[in-house]
Amino acid sequence: MKISADVNIHHPINYTFLFPEAWDAYWYVTAGVIVTIAAAVGFFLLSKRYTSGVPGRTQSVLELAVSGLRNQAYDVLGSEGMKYFPVAMGIGLYTLLFNVGDIVPFLIAPTSSLNATLAPALFIFVLYNYIGIRKYGLHYFKRFLGPVPAMAPLMLPIEIISHIARPVTLAVRLFGNIMGGGLLLLILLALVPIGFPVALFFIEGLKVVLQAYVFMLLSMVYIGTALEDDH
């Protein structure tokens, strides 16, 4: 953050020295690239480690988590929508990885930028409307008119606003939670370096996972509603 032409104040925990010029203009892109590379290397190493026929404890826990998410996705999307489950999982993984910087020293979460949260939110917005139009054609837009034709003039603007609000609320909710949590950690670390901030890291870790789960779940809900037959 620039105070004047000669004075700069930088985030106390960052890696701006790695890419100073790119960081000034597109810090969330730089952070995202670093997180993506680290995640790719980490997944590659894990794939090499867990190749035996007998799953270990960690692999069993991960398989159980994925199985639970798949079962929940079936309840939300139905059998027809399960082909979009990998998309929802990808969005959830993207959100989780980009949230992790909120609790890792020397990292900044890319999702503490509204640009990084608005991109997947807009993707889901375009995707679920495309799915609905592909299945129902122009009849998809009849749901915007409400169940009673006489109420169409009232329901149409309400439905349009509610649909436009979906990507906005998805993006702003994630951005606000991650940005606020990161600032709170920095303030507490500056005031009380030992003790309470350490415990807060665990709470922030749960929040990071929860926010990714909520983003993924709402994405599945929007896709599921687009597949529903309102007639």
C-alpha atoms as a PDB file:
ATOM      1  CA  MET A   1       0.000   0.000   0.000  1.00  0.00           C
ATOM      2  CA  LYS A   2       1.555   3.284  -1.083  1.00  0.00           C
ATOM      3  CA  ILE A   3       1.420   6.219   1.349  1.00  0.00           C
ATOM      4  CA  SER A   4       3.402   8.620  -0.788  1.00  0.00           C
ATOM      5  CA  ALA A   5       5.743   8.586  -3.705  1.00  0.00           C
ATOM      6  CA  ASP A   6       8.678   7.681  -1.446  1.00  0.00           C
ATOM      7  CA  VAL A   7       7.119   5.616   1.356  1.00  0.00           C
ATOM      8  CA  ASN A   8       5.691   2.098   0.996  1.00  0.00           C
ATOM      9  CA  ILE A   9       4.138  -0.143   3.609  1.00  0.00           C
ATOM     10  CA  HIS A  10       4.237  -3.854   2.790  1.00  0.00           C
ATOM     11  CA  HIS A  11       2.421  -6.817   4.220  1.00  0.00           C
ATOM     12  CA  PRO A  12       4.590  -8.016   7.173  1.00  0.00           C
ATOM     13  CA  ILE A  13       4.310 -11.638   6.037  1.00  0.00           C
ATOM     14  CA  ASN A  14       4.737 -11.904   2.291  1.00  0.00           C
ATOM     15  CA  TYR A  15       6.982 -12.968  -0.546  1.00  0.00           C
ATOM     16  CA  THR A  16       6.837  -9.829  -2.673  1.00  0.00           C
ATOM     17  CA  PHE A  17      10.614  -9.894  -3.010  1.00  0.00           C
ATOM     18  CA  LEU A  18      10.266 -12.847  -5.395  1.00  0.00           C
ATOM     19  CA  PHE A  19       8.341 -10.966  -8.084  1.00  0.00           C
ATOM     20  CA  PRO A  20       8.307  -7.273  -7.127  1.00  0.00           C
ATOM     21  CA  GLU A  21       6.920  -5.881 -10.392  1.00  0.00           C
ATOM     22  CA  ALA A  22       4.287  -8.574 -10.897  1.00  0.00           C
ATOM     23  CA  TRP A  23       3.292  -8.340  -7.257  1.00  0.00           C
ATOM     24  CA  ASP A  24       2.548  -4.628  -7.398  1.00  0.00           C
ATOM     25  CA  ALA A  25       0.071  -5.021 -10.253  1.00  0.00           C
ATOM     26  CA  TYR A  26      -1.300  -8.570  -9.964  1.00  0.00           C
ATOM     27  CA  TRP A  27      -0.281  -9.929  -6.571  1.00  0.00           C
ATOM     28  CA  TYR A  28      -3.195 -12.387  -6.458  1.00  0.00           C
ATOM     29  CA  VAL A  29      -2.081 -13.903  -9.781  1.00  0.00           C
ATOM     30  CA  THR A  30       1.480 -14.276  -8.513  1.00  0.00           C
ATOM     31  CA  ALA A  31       0.224 -15.845  -5.285  1.00  0.00           C
ATOM     32  CA  GLY A  32      -2.070 -18.142  -7.243  1.00  0.00           C
ATOM     33  CA  VAL A  33       0.766 -19.340  -9.486  1.00  0.00           C
ATOM     34  CA  ILE A  34       2.943 -20.112  -6.463  1.00  0.00           C
ATOM     35  CA  VAL A  35       0.128 -21.988  -4.711  1.00  0.00           C
ATOM     36  CA  THR A  36      -0.727 -23.927  -7.889  1.00  0.00           C
ATOM     37  CA  ILE A  37       2.883 -25.002  -8.454  1.00  0.00           C
ATOM     38  CA  ALA A  38       3.256 -26.033  -4.816  1.00  0.00           C
ATOM     39  CA  ALA A  39      -0.004 -27.999  -4.963  1.00  0.00           C
ATOM     40  CA  ALA A  40       0.992 -29.744  -8.210  1.00  0.00           C
ATOM     41  CA  VAL A  41       4.314 -30.817  -6.707  1.00  0.00           C
ATOM     42  CA  GLY A  42       2.591 -31.923  -3.509  1.00  0.00           C
ATOM     43  CA  PHE A  43      -0.031 -34.007  -5.336  1.00  0.00           C
ATOM     44  CA  PHE A  44       2.660 -35.569  -7.508  1.00  0.00           C
ATOM     45  CA  LEU A  45       4.645 -36.631  -4.440  1.00  0.00           C
ATOM     46  CA  LEU A  46       1.505 -37.969  -2.763  1.00  0.00           C
ATOM     47  CA  SER A  47       0.601 -39.977  -5.860  1.00  0.00           C
ATOM     48  CA  LYS A  48       4.043 -41.580  -5.750  1.00  0.00           C
ATOM     49  CA  ARG A  49       3.676 -42.381  -2.073  1.00  0.00           C
ATOM     50  CA  TYR A  50       0.172 -43.854  -2.143  1.00  0.00           C
ATOM     51  CA  THR A  51       0.476 -46.348  -4.979  1.00  0.00           C
ATOM     52  CA  SER A  52       0.303 -49.577  -2.979  1.00  0.00           C
ATOM     53  CA  GLY A  53      -2.755 -51.807  -3.058  1.00  0.00           C
ATOM     54  CA  VAL A  54      -3.313 -51.481   0.701  1.00  0.00           C
ATOM     55  CA  PRO A  55      -4.444 -47.932   1.610  1.00  0.00           C
ATOM     56  CA  GLY A  56      -2.877 -46.292   4.629  1.00  0.00           C
ATOM     57  CA  ARG A  57      -4.600 -44.208   7.276  1.00  0.00           C
ATOM     58  CA  THR A  58      -4.273 -40.927   5.383  1.00  0.00           C
ATOM     59  CA  GLN A  59      -5.489 -42.440   2.133  1.00  0.00           C
ATOM     60  CA  SER A  60      -8.439 -44.042   3.904  1.00  0.00           C
ATOM     61  CA  VAL A  61      -9.454 -40.723   5.438  1.00  0.00           C
ATOM     62  CA  LEU A  62      -9.223 -38.972   2.055  1.00  0.00           C
ATOM     63  CA  GLU A  63     -11.237 -41.696   0.342  1.00  0.00           C
ATOM     64  CA  LEU A  64     -13.872 -41.494   3.070  1.00  0.00           C
ATOM     65  CA  ALA A  65     -14.099 -37.705   2.655  1.00  0.00           C
ATOM     66  CA  VAL A  66     -14.453 -37.947  -1.129  1.00  0.00           C
ATOM     67  CA  SER A  67     -17.051 -40.694  -0.763  1.00  0.00           C
ATOM     68  CA  GLY A  68     -19.052 -38.542   1.654  1.00  0.00           C
ATOM     69  CA  LEU A  69     -18.914 -35.570  -0.702  1.00  0.00           C
ATOM     70  CA  ARG A  70     -19.983 -37.776  -3.598  1.00  0.00           C
ATOM     71  CA  ASN A  71     -22.985 -39.063  -1.657  1.00  0.00           C
ATOM     72  CA  GLN A  72     -23.984 -35.527  -0.747  1.00  0.00           C
ATOM     73  CA  ALA A  73     -23.539 -34.443  -4.362  1.00  0.00           C
ATOM     74  CA  TYR A  74     -25.914 -37.208  -5.437  1.00  0.00           C
ATOM     75  CA  ASP A  75     -28.556 -35.883  -3.042  1.00  0.00           C
ATOM     76  CA  VAL A  76     -28.158 -32.351  -4.426  1.00  0.00           C
ATOM     77  CA  LEU A  77     -27.540 -33.006  -8.123  1.00  0.00           C
ATOM     78  CA  GLY A  78     -29.409 -36.256  -8.645  1.00  0.00           C
ATOM     79  CA  SER A  79     -28.271 -39.004 -10.997  1.00  0.00           C
ATOM     80  CA  GLU A  80     -28.479 -36.713 -14.020  1.00  0.00           C
ATOM     81  CA  GLY A  81     -26.291 -34.045 -12.466  1.00  0.00           C
ATOM     82  CA  MET A  82     -23.552 -36.322 -11.160  1.00  0.00           C
ATOM     83  CA  LYS A  83     -21.567 -35.751 -14.351  1.00  0.00           C
ATOM     84  CA  TYR A  84     -20.986 -32.219 -13.021  1.00  0.00           C
ATOM     85  CA  PHE A  85     -19.636 -33.450  -9.692  1.00  0.00           C
ATOM     86  CA  PRO A  86     -15.987 -33.274 -10.895  1.00  0.00           C
ATOM     87  CA  VAL A  87     -16.578 -29.623 -11.797  1.00  0.00           C
ATOM     88  CA  ALA A  88     -17.881 -28.895  -8.301  1.00  0.00           C
ATOM     89  CA  MET A  89     -14.949 -30.788  -6.773  1.00  0.00           C
ATOM     90  CA  GLY A  90     -12.551 -28.789  -8.912  1.00  0.00           C
ATOM     91  CA  ILE A  91     -14.107 -25.538  -7.705  1.00  0.00           C
ATOM     92  CA  GLY A  92     -13.884 -26.751  -4.114  1.00  0.00           C
ATOM     93  CA  LEU A  93     -10.242 -27.747  -4.521  1.00  0.00           C
ATOM     94  CA  TYR A  94      -9.422 -24.424  -6.189  1.00  0.00           C
ATOM     95  CA  THR A  95     -11.041 -22.550  -3.323  1.00  0.00           C
ATOM     96  CA  LEU A  96      -9.371 -24.684  -0.658  1.00  0.00           C
ATOM     97  CA  LEU A  97      -5.884 -24.325  -2.120  1.00  0.00           C
ATOM     98  CA  PHE A  98      -6.254 -20.582  -2.638  1.00  0.00           C
ATOM     99  CA  ASN A  99      -7.553 -20.214   0.930  1.00  0.00           C
ATOM    100  CA  VAL A 100      -4.586 -21.997   2.492  1.00  0.00           C
ATOM    101  CA  GLY A 101      -2.359 -18.934   2.274  1.00  0.00           C
ATOM    102  CA  ASP A 102      -4.553 -17.411   4.983  1.00  0.00           C
ATOM    103  CA  ILE A 103      -2.930 -19.668   7.602  1.00  0.00           C
ATOM    104  CA  VAL A 104       0.508 -20.432   6.137  1.00  0.00           C
ATOM    105  CA  PRO A 105       3.374 -18.125   7.189  1.00  0.00           C
ATOM    106  CA  PHE A 106       5.029 -16.176   4.375  1.00  0.00           C
ATOM    107  CA  LEU A 107       1.977 -16.670   2.157  1.00  0.00           C
ATOM    108  CA  ILE A 108      -1.012 -14.532   1.326  1.00  0.00           C
ATOM    109  CA  ALA A 109      -4.263 -16.196   0.268  1.00  0.00           C
ATOM    110  CA  PRO A 110      -5.110 -15.359  -3.364  1.00  0.00           C
ATOM    111  CA  THR A 111      -8.772 -15.428  -2.338  1.00  0.00           C
ATOM    112  CA  SER A 112      -8.161 -12.340  -0.200  1.00  0.00           C
ATOM    113  CA  SER A 113      -8.497 -10.572  -3.556  1.00  0.00           C
ATOM    114  CA  LEU A 114     -12.004 -10.151  -4.970  1.00  0.00           C
ATOM    115  CA  ASN A 115     -10.654 -10.955  -8.430  1.00  0.00           C
ATOM    116  CA  ALA A 116      -9.708 -14.486  -7.378  1.00  0.00           C
ATOM    117  CA  THR A 117     -13.145 -15.166  -5.847  1.00  0.00           C
ATOM    118  CA  LEU A 118     -15.234 -13.514  -8.551  1.00  0.00           C
ATOM    119  CA  ALA A 119     -13.677 -15.626 -11.321  1.00  0.00           C
ATOM    120  CA  PRO A 120     -15.002 -19.032 -10.098  1.00  0.00           C
ATOM    121  CA  ALA A 121     -18.291 -17.428  -9.040  1.00  0.00           C
ATOM    122  CA  LEU A 122     -18.854 -16.086 -12.570  1.00  0.00           C
ATOM    123  CA  PHE A 123     -17.837 -19.457 -14.005  1.00  0.00           C
ATOM    124  CA  ILE A 124     -20.517 -21.215 -11.946  1.00  0.00           C
ATOM    125  CA  PHE A 125     -23.075 -18.540 -12.901  1.00  0.00           C
ATOM    126  CA  VAL A 126     -22.421 -19.059 -16.622  1.00  0.00           C
ATOM    127  CA  LEU A 127     -22.250 -22.846 -16.239  1.00  0.00           C
ATOM    128  CA  TYR A 128     -25.540 -23.449 -14.450  1.00  0.00           C
ATOM    129  CA  ASN A 129     -27.447 -21.125 -16.785  1.00  0.00           C
ATOM    130  CA  TYR A 130     -25.881 -22.876 -19.769  1.00  0.00           C
ATOM    131  CA  ILE A 131     -26.904 -26.249 -18.314  1.00  0.00           C
ATOM    132  CA  GLY A 132     -30.479 -25.052 -17.844  1.00  0.00           C
ATOM    133  CA  ILE A 133     -30.719 -23.570 -21.343  1.00  0.00           C
ATOM    134  CA  ARG A 134     -29.154 -26.671 -22.883  1.00  0.00           C
ATOM    135  CA  LYS A 135     -31.718 -28.931 -21.208  1.00  0.00           C
ATOM    136  CA  TYR A 136     -34.881 -26.840 -21.497  1.00  0.00           C
ATOM    137  CA  GLY A 137     -34.109 -24.376 -24.287  1.00  0.00           C
ATOM    138  CA  LEU A 138     -35.960 -21.079 -24.050  1.00  0.00           C
ATOM    139  CA  HIS A 139     -38.449 -22.700 -21.674  1.00  0.00           C
ATOM    140  CA  TYR A 140     -35.707 -22.400 -19.044  1.00  0.00           C
ATOM    141  CA  PHE A 141     -36.547 -18.701 -18.728  1.00  0.00           C
ATOM    142  CA  LYS A 142     -40.156 -19.451 -17.793  1.00  0.00           C
ATOM    143  CA  ARG A 143     -39.003 -20.097 -14.236  1.00  0.00           C
ATOM    144  CA  PHE A 144     -38.100 -16.410 -14.040  1.00  0.00           C
ATOM    145  CA  LEU A 145     -41.784 -15.539 -14.428  1.00  0.00           C
ATOM    146  CA  GLY A 146     -42.962 -17.357 -11.313  1.00  0.00           C
ATOM    147  CA  PRO A 147     -45.656 -20.021 -10.894  1.00  0.00           C
ATOM    148  CA  VAL A 148     -48.595 -17.665 -11.550  1.00  0.00           C
ATOM    149  CA  PRO A 149     -48.706 -15.788 -14.898  1.00  0.00           C
ATOM    150  CA  ALA A 150     -50.422 -12.793 -13.288  1.00  0.00           C
ATOM    151  CA  MET A 151     -47.377 -12.306 -11.004  1.00  0.00           C
ATOM    152  CA  ALA A 152     -44.863 -12.368 -13.853  1.00  0.00           C
ATOM    153  CA  PRO A 153     -44.300  -8.571 -13.913  1.00  0.00           C
ATOM    154  CA  LEU A 154     -43.411  -8.726 -10.223  1.00  0.00           C
ATOM    155  CA  MET A 155     -41.453 -12.002 -10.251  1.00  0.00           C
ATOM    156  CA  LEU A 156     -39.318 -11.282 -13.325  1.00  0.00           C
ATOM    157  CA  PRO A 157     -37.214  -8.448 -11.816  1.00  0.00           C
ATOM    158  CA  ILE A 158     -36.996 -10.292  -8.491  1.00  0.00           C
ATOM    159  CA  GLU A 159     -35.717 -13.462 -10.174  1.00  0.00           C
ATOM    160  CA  ILE A 160     -33.238 -11.541 -12.334  1.00  0.00           C
ATOM    161  CA  ILE A 161     -31.834  -9.719  -9.310  1.00  0.00           C
ATOM    162  CA  SER A 162     -31.636 -12.930  -7.279  1.00  0.00           C
ATOM    163  CA  HIS A 163     -29.715 -14.729 -10.034  1.00  0.00           C
ATOM    164  CA  ILE A 164     -27.317 -11.822 -10.534  1.00  0.00           C
ATOM    165  CA  ALA A 165     -26.787 -11.736  -6.772  1.00  0.00           C
ATOM    166  CA  ARG A 166     -25.640 -15.368  -6.704  1.00  0.00           C
ATOM    167  CA  PRO A 167     -22.114 -14.865  -8.098  1.00  0.00           C
ATOM    168  CA  VAL A 168     -21.793 -11.600  -6.190  1.00  0.00           C
ATOM    169  CA  THR A 169     -22.636 -13.188  -2.850  1.00  0.00           C
ATOM    170  CA  LEU A 170     -20.415 -16.208  -3.587  1.00  0.00           C
ATOM    171  CA  ALA A 171     -17.455 -13.966  -4.351  1.00  0.00           C
ATOM    172  CA  VAL A 172     -17.966 -11.396  -1.605  1.00  0.00           C
ATOM    173  CA  ARG A 173     -18.632 -14.004   1.109  1.00  0.00           C
ATOM    174  CA  LEU A 174     -15.405 -15.850   0.382  1.00  0.00           C
ATOM    175  CA  PHE A 175     -13.380 -12.667  -0.076  1.00  0.00           C
ATOM    176  CA  GLY A 176     -14.667 -11.103   3.146  1.00  0.00           C
ATOM    177  CA  ASN A 177     -14.054 -14.168   5.286  1.00  0.00           C
ATOM    178  CA  ILE A 178     -10.535 -14.802   4.015  1.00  0.00           C
ATOM    179  CA  MET A 179      -9.479 -11.153   4.016  1.00  0.00           C
ATOM    180  CA  GLY A 180     -10.951 -10.533   7.463  1.00  0.00           C
ATOM    181  CA  GLY A 181      -9.376 -13.659   8.925  1.00  0.00           C
ATOM    182  CA  GLY A 182      -5.965 -12.772   7.537  1.00  0.00           C
ATOM    183  CA  LEU A 183      -6.087  -9.252   8.925  1.00  0.00           C
ATOM    184  CA  LEU A 184      -7.218 -10.533  12.319  1.00  0.00           C
ATOM    185  CA  LEU A 185      -4.305 -12.955  12.460  1.00  0.00           C
ATOM    186  CA  LEU A 186      -1.818 -10.231  11.559  1.00  0.00           C
ATOM    187  CA  ILE A 187      -3.183  -7.874  14.206  1.00  0.00           C
ATOM    188  CA  LEU A 188      -3.107 -10.545  16.918  1.00  0.00           C
ATOM    189  CA  LEU A 189       0.376 -11.680  15.916  1.00  0.00           C
ATOM    190  CA  ALA A 190       1.564  -8.092  16.249  1.00  0.00           C
ATOM    191  CA  LEU A 191      -0.098  -7.596  19.646  1.00  0.00           C
ATOM    192  CA  VAL A 192       0.324 -11.062  21.191  1.00  0.00           C
ATOM    193  CA  PRO A 193       3.041 -13.051  19.372  1.00  0.00           C
ATOM    194  CA  ILE A 194       2.720 -16.142  21.592  1.00  0.00           C
ATOM    195  CA  GLY A 195      -0.317 -18.012  22.853  1.00  0.00           C
ATOM    196  CA  PHE A 196      -3.724 -16.960  21.610  1.00  0.00           C
ATOM    197  CA  PRO A 197      -2.753 -16.350  17.948  1.00  0.00           C
ATOM    198  CA  VAL A 198      -1.437 -19.918  17.765  1.00  0.00           C
ATOM    199  CA  ALA A 199      -4.814 -21.269  18.840  1.00  0.00           C
ATOM    200  CA  LEU A 200      -6.488 -18.930  16.371  1.00  0.00           C
ATOM    201  CA  PHE A 201      -4.525 -20.548  13.554  1.00  0.00           C
ATOM    202  CA  PHE A 202      -6.471 -23.772  14.156  1.00  0.00           C
ATOM    203  CA  ILE A 203      -9.769 -21.883  14.075  1.00  0.00           C
ATOM    204  CA  GLU A 204      -8.721 -20.156  10.870  1.00  0.00           C
ATOM    205  CA  GLY A 205      -7.786 -23.544   9.429  1.00  0.00           C
ATOM    206  CA  LEU A 206     -11.303 -24.833  10.059  1.00  0.00           C
ATOM    207  CA  LYS A 207     -12.705 -21.680   8.483  1.00  0.00           C
ATOM    208  CA  VAL A 208     -10.550 -22.162   5.393  1.00  0.00           C
ATOM    209  CA  VAL A 209     -11.941 -25.677   4.886  1.00  0.00           C
ATOM    210  CA  LEU A 210     -15.508 -24.617   5.695  1.00  0.00           C
ATOM    211  CA  GLN A 211     -15.472 -21.737   3.213  1.00  0.00           C
ATOM    212  CA  ALA A 212     -14.248 -24.026   0.445  1.00  0.00           C
ATOM    213  CA  TYR A 213     -16.974 -26.535   1.322  1.00  0.00           C
ATOM    214  CA  VAL A 214     -19.696 -23.871   1.302  1.00  0.00           C
ATOM    215  CA  PHE A 215     -18.528 -22.544  -2.069  1.00  0.00           C
ATOM    216  CA  MET A 216     -18.570 -26.045  -3.541  1.00  0.00           C
ATOM    217  CA  LEU A 217     -21.946 -26.913  -1.998  1.00  0.00           C
ATOM    218  CA  LEU A 218     -23.636 -23.752  -3.281  1.00  0.00           C
ATOM    219  CA  SER A 219     -22.165 -24.418  -6.719  1.00  0.00           C
ATOM    220  CA  MET A 220     -23.821 -27.847  -6.705  1.00  0.00           C
ATOM    221  CA  VAL A 221     -27.104 -26.358  -5.470  1.00  0.00           C
ATOM    222  CA  TYR A 222     -27.174 -23.855  -8.342  1.00  0.00           C
ATOM    223  CA  ILE A 223     -26.422 -26.582 -10.888  1.00  0.00           C
ATOM    224  CA  GLY A 224     -29.054 -28.831  -9.320  1.00  0.00           C
ATOM    225  CA  THR A 225     -31.745 -26.130  -9.452  1.00  0.00           C
ATOM    226  CA  ALA A 226     -30.932 -25.504 -13.124  1.00  0.00           C
ATOM    227  CA  LEU A 227     -31.608 -29.182 -13.852  1.00  0.00           C
ATOM    228  CA  GLU A 228     -34.914 -29.253 -11.971  1.00  0.00           C
ATOM    229  CA  ASP A 229     -38.133 -29.256 -13.909  1.00  0.00           C
ATOM    230  CA  ASP A 230     -40.315 -26.447 -12.552  1.00  0.00           C
ATOM    231  CA  HIS A 231     -43.319 -27.318 -14.674  1.00  0.00           C
END
